[in-house]
Amino acid sequence: DTGNIRRSLEKRADFKEKEADIERYLGARYRLDPVSNNPDTLRRLLTDIDDYVDNATEKFAKEFGQPLGKVTSPHLSPDEVAKEGISPGRFAKTCSSHVATLLFLSRVARPDIGVAVQRLCRVVTRWTTTHDSMLIRLFSYLRSCGPISLVAALSKADLEDVQLVLWSDAGFCGDPEDTKSTSGLF
């Protein structure tokens, strides 16, 4: 019983928030549609992590010291990448923290940023001004998107047989700038 565990822990720790259902866990909110009497009704699981996104973008914007622009893609264009330099980037000392935040975010509820985040994960030990621009672009994209929920739907008839298996193909065609999957699966 989680209530008993919580009360036992409260004797040793001072919690700032009141006890709550597991709806909110590790920065995300999970909502499952109620069961319907109609067997054909889909049940949906919604996962949103908007509070986490807001906190992360605010923290980054504060360190950046400038407002984040409005963009429609998490990626720089090839022309934008070509214009950048190779000198050490402004965020070289803090990039690991920002990228770890983005990695968690992409894995929990934002697969739309997965490729951009993985590209940054590869370079945290050799961070340049190009990567600064990529990081700024990614946080700008998150700020521009507004609230987004990851939605999974399942028919009641499928409940007994459902399996969810997800992975990304790390090969990316052997080309770090290509997002095509060599296995055909993503």
Protein backbone atom coordinates (compact mmCIF):
# COMPACT_ATOMS: atom_id res chain seq x y z
CA ASP A 1 0.00 0.00 0.00
CA THR A 2 1.63 3.23 -1.17
CA GLY A 3 -0.21 5.26 1.49
CA ASN A 4 1.47 3.29 4.29
CA ILE A 5 4.84 3.57 2.60
CA ARG A 6 4.39 7.32 2.24
CA ARG A 7 3.42 7.73 5.92
CA SER A 8 6.46 5.69 6.95
CA LEU A 9 8.72 7.87 4.82
CA GLU A 10 7.13 11.07 6.14
CA LYS A 11 8.58 10.24 9.56
CA ARG A 12 12.06 10.59 8.04
CA ALA A 13 11.58 13.12 5.25
CA ASP A 14 9.69 16.36 4.84
CA PHE A 15 7.76 16.25 1.54
CA LYS A 16 6.91 19.58 -0.06
CA GLU A 17 3.88 18.24 -1.92
CA LYS A 18 0.87 16.33 -0.66
CA GLU A 19 0.44 12.67 -1.52
CA ALA A 20 -0.98 12.21 -5.03
CA ASP A 21 -1.99 9.43 -7.37
CA ILE A 22 0.65 8.02 -9.70
CA GLU A 23 -0.87 10.12 -12.51
CA ARG A 24 2.23 12.30 -12.25
CA TYR A 25 5.51 10.43 -12.30
CA LEU A 26 9.00 11.72 -13.08
CA GLY A 27 7.80 14.96 -14.60
CA ALA A 28 5.15 13.40 -16.84
CA ARG A 29 1.39 13.14 -16.48
CA TYR A 30 -0.37 9.96 -17.53
CA ARG A 31 -4.10 9.76 -18.20
CA LEU A 32 -5.96 6.62 -19.16
CA ASP A 33 -9.44 6.94 -20.60
CA PRO A 34 -12.10 5.31 -18.43
CA VAL A 35 -13.35 1.85 -19.35
CA SER A 36 -16.43 1.97 -21.55
CA ASN A 37 -19.33 -0.47 -21.64
CA ASN A 38 -19.00 -0.48 -25.42
CA PRO A 39 -16.38 -3.13 -26.39
CA ASP A 40 -15.58 -1.24 -29.60
CA THR A 41 -14.50 1.89 -27.76
CA LEU A 42 -10.79 2.60 -27.92
CA ARG A 43 -8.99 3.32 -24.68
CA ARG A 44 -6.32 5.96 -24.90
CA LEU A 45 -3.27 6.53 -22.77
CA LEU A 46 -2.12 10.14 -22.94
CA THR A 47 1.34 11.08 -21.76
CA ASP A 48 2.26 14.72 -21.48
CA ILE A 49 5.38 16.25 -20.14
CA ASP A 50 4.57 19.91 -20.70
CA ASP A 51 5.59 21.06 -17.20
CA TYR A 52 8.96 19.41 -17.68
CA VAL A 53 9.36 21.09 -21.09
CA ASP A 54 8.45 24.48 -19.60
CA ASN A 55 10.97 24.10 -16.77
CA ALA A 56 13.72 22.91 -19.12
CA THR A 57 13.18 25.69 -21.65
CA GLU A 58 13.01 28.34 -18.94
CA LYS A 59 16.26 27.08 -17.39
CA PHE A 60 17.97 27.05 -20.78
CA ALA A 61 16.63 30.48 -21.79
CA LYS A 62 17.92 31.93 -18.53
CA GLU A 63 21.40 30.56 -19.18
CA PHE A 64 21.20 31.64 -22.85
CA GLY A 65 20.22 35.15 -21.78
CA GLN A 66 18.02 35.74 -24.83
CA PRO A 67 14.46 34.90 -25.79
CA LEU A 68 14.07 31.64 -27.67
CA GLY A 69 12.83 32.16 -31.23
CA LYS A 70 9.85 30.55 -32.93
CA VAL A 71 10.81 27.65 -35.18
CA THR A 72 8.92 24.77 -36.81
CA SER A 73 11.66 22.13 -36.81
CA PRO A 74 14.13 20.87 -34.18
CA HIS A 75 16.86 20.68 -36.84
CA LEU A 76 19.14 23.28 -38.38
CA SER A 77 19.13 23.36 -42.16
CA PRO A 78 22.30 22.15 -43.93
CA ASP A 79 23.00 25.80 -44.86
CA GLU A 80 22.78 26.86 -41.21
CA VAL A 81 25.15 24.06 -40.16
CA ALA A 82 27.61 25.01 -42.92
CA LYS A 83 27.77 28.63 -41.68
CA GLU A 84 28.76 27.66 -38.16
CA GLY A 85 32.29 27.46 -36.83
CA ILE A 86 34.25 24.71 -35.15
CA SER A 87 35.56 26.61 -32.15
CA PRO A 88 34.50 25.49 -28.64
CA GLY A 89 30.89 26.36 -27.94
CA ARG A 90 29.46 28.61 -25.29
CA PHE A 91 27.53 25.68 -23.72
CA ALA A 92 30.49 23.26 -23.73
CA LYS A 93 30.55 23.09 -19.91
CA THR A 94 26.78 22.71 -19.43
CA CYS A 95 25.83 20.81 -22.59
CA SER A 96 25.77 17.42 -20.82
CA SER A 97 23.10 18.60 -18.40
CA HIS A 98 20.95 20.11 -21.15
CA VAL A 99 21.33 17.09 -23.43
CA ALA A 100 20.50 14.67 -20.58
CA THR A 101 17.33 16.67 -19.93
CA LEU A 102 16.40 16.46 -23.61
CA LEU A 103 17.22 12.74 -23.75
CA PHE A 104 14.84 12.02 -20.88
CA LEU A 105 12.19 14.15 -22.53
CA SER A 106 12.53 12.41 -25.90
CA ARG A 107 12.33 8.96 -24.34
CA VAL A 108 9.27 9.64 -22.16
CA ALA A 109 6.91 11.57 -24.40
CA ARG A 110 8.56 13.48 -27.26
CA PRO A 111 9.80 11.15 -30.01
CA ASP A 112 9.69 14.11 -32.41
CA ILE A 113 13.00 15.36 -30.99
CA GLY A 114 14.71 11.96 -30.79
CA VAL A 115 17.02 12.32 -33.80
CA ALA A 116 18.09 15.86 -32.89
CA VAL A 117 18.83 14.80 -29.32
CA GLN A 118 20.82 11.73 -30.39
CA ARG A 119 22.95 13.91 -32.65
CA LEU A 120 23.79 16.10 -29.65
CA CYS A 121 24.47 13.07 -27.42
CA ARG A 122 27.30 12.07 -29.76
CA VAL A 123 29.20 15.34 -29.33
CA VAL A 124 29.07 16.35 -25.67
CA THR A 125 32.82 15.74 -25.31
CA ARG A 126 33.71 17.82 -28.38
CA TRP A 127 31.13 20.61 -28.27
CA THR A 128 31.44 23.44 -30.81
CA THR A 129 29.57 26.59 -31.78
CA THR A 130 27.68 24.48 -34.33
CA HIS A 131 26.33 22.38 -31.48
CA ASP A 132 25.42 25.54 -29.58
CA SER A 133 23.21 26.49 -32.53
CA MET A 134 21.70 23.00 -32.65
CA LEU A 135 20.91 23.14 -28.91
CA ILE A 136 19.38 26.62 -29.16
CA ARG A 137 17.31 25.46 -32.13
CA LEU A 138 16.07 22.40 -30.23
CA PHE A 139 15.02 24.40 -27.16
CA SER A 140 13.42 27.01 -29.43
CA TYR A 141 11.45 24.24 -31.13
CA LEU A 142 10.23 22.94 -27.77
CA ARG A 143 9.18 26.43 -26.72
CA SER A 144 7.41 26.97 -30.08
CA CYS A 145 5.39 23.74 -30.06
CA GLY A 146 3.08 24.41 -27.16
CA PRO A 147 1.43 21.55 -25.29
CA ILE A 148 1.82 18.14 -26.93
CA SER A 149 0.62 14.75 -25.67
CA LEU A 150 1.81 11.35 -26.76
CA VAL A 151 -1.32 9.29 -27.39
CA ALA A 152 -1.59 5.51 -27.56
CA ALA A 153 -4.95 3.92 -28.37
CA LEU A 154 -5.99 0.34 -27.82
CA SER A 155 -9.18 -1.51 -28.63
CA LYS A 156 -10.63 -3.55 -25.80
CA ALA A 157 -10.48 -6.58 -28.12
CA ASP A 158 -6.68 -6.22 -28.34
CA LEU A 159 -5.97 -6.10 -24.61
CA GLU A 160 -5.09 -9.80 -24.31
CA ASP A 161 -2.61 -9.86 -27.21
CA VAL A 162 -0.98 -6.44 -27.20
CA GLN A 163 2.79 -6.13 -27.14
CA LEU A 164 4.65 -2.86 -27.41
CA VAL A 165 8.23 -3.14 -28.61
CA LEU A 166 10.11 0.04 -29.44
CA TRP A 167 13.69 0.75 -30.38
CA SER A 168 15.52 3.03 -32.72
CA ASP A 169 18.02 1.88 -35.29
CA ALA A 170 21.30 3.37 -34.14
CA GLY A 171 22.87 2.79 -37.57
CA PHE A 172 21.05 5.63 -39.34
CA CYS A 173 22.40 4.27 -42.67
CA GLY A 174 25.94 4.64 -41.35
CA ASP A 175 25.61 8.37 -41.92
CA PRO A 176 25.32 10.52 -38.79
CA GLU A 177 23.39 13.17 -40.70
CA ASP A 178 20.89 10.71 -42.19
CA THR A 179 17.80 9.58 -40.28
CA LYS A 180 16.96 6.59 -42.48
CA SER A 181 16.80 3.31 -40.63
CA THR A 182 19.07 0.55 -41.95
CA SER A 183 16.82 -2.14 -40.47
CA GLY A 184 13.63 -0.59 -41.81
CA LEU A 185 12.30 -0.20 -38.28
CA PHE A 186 12.08 2.87 -36.08
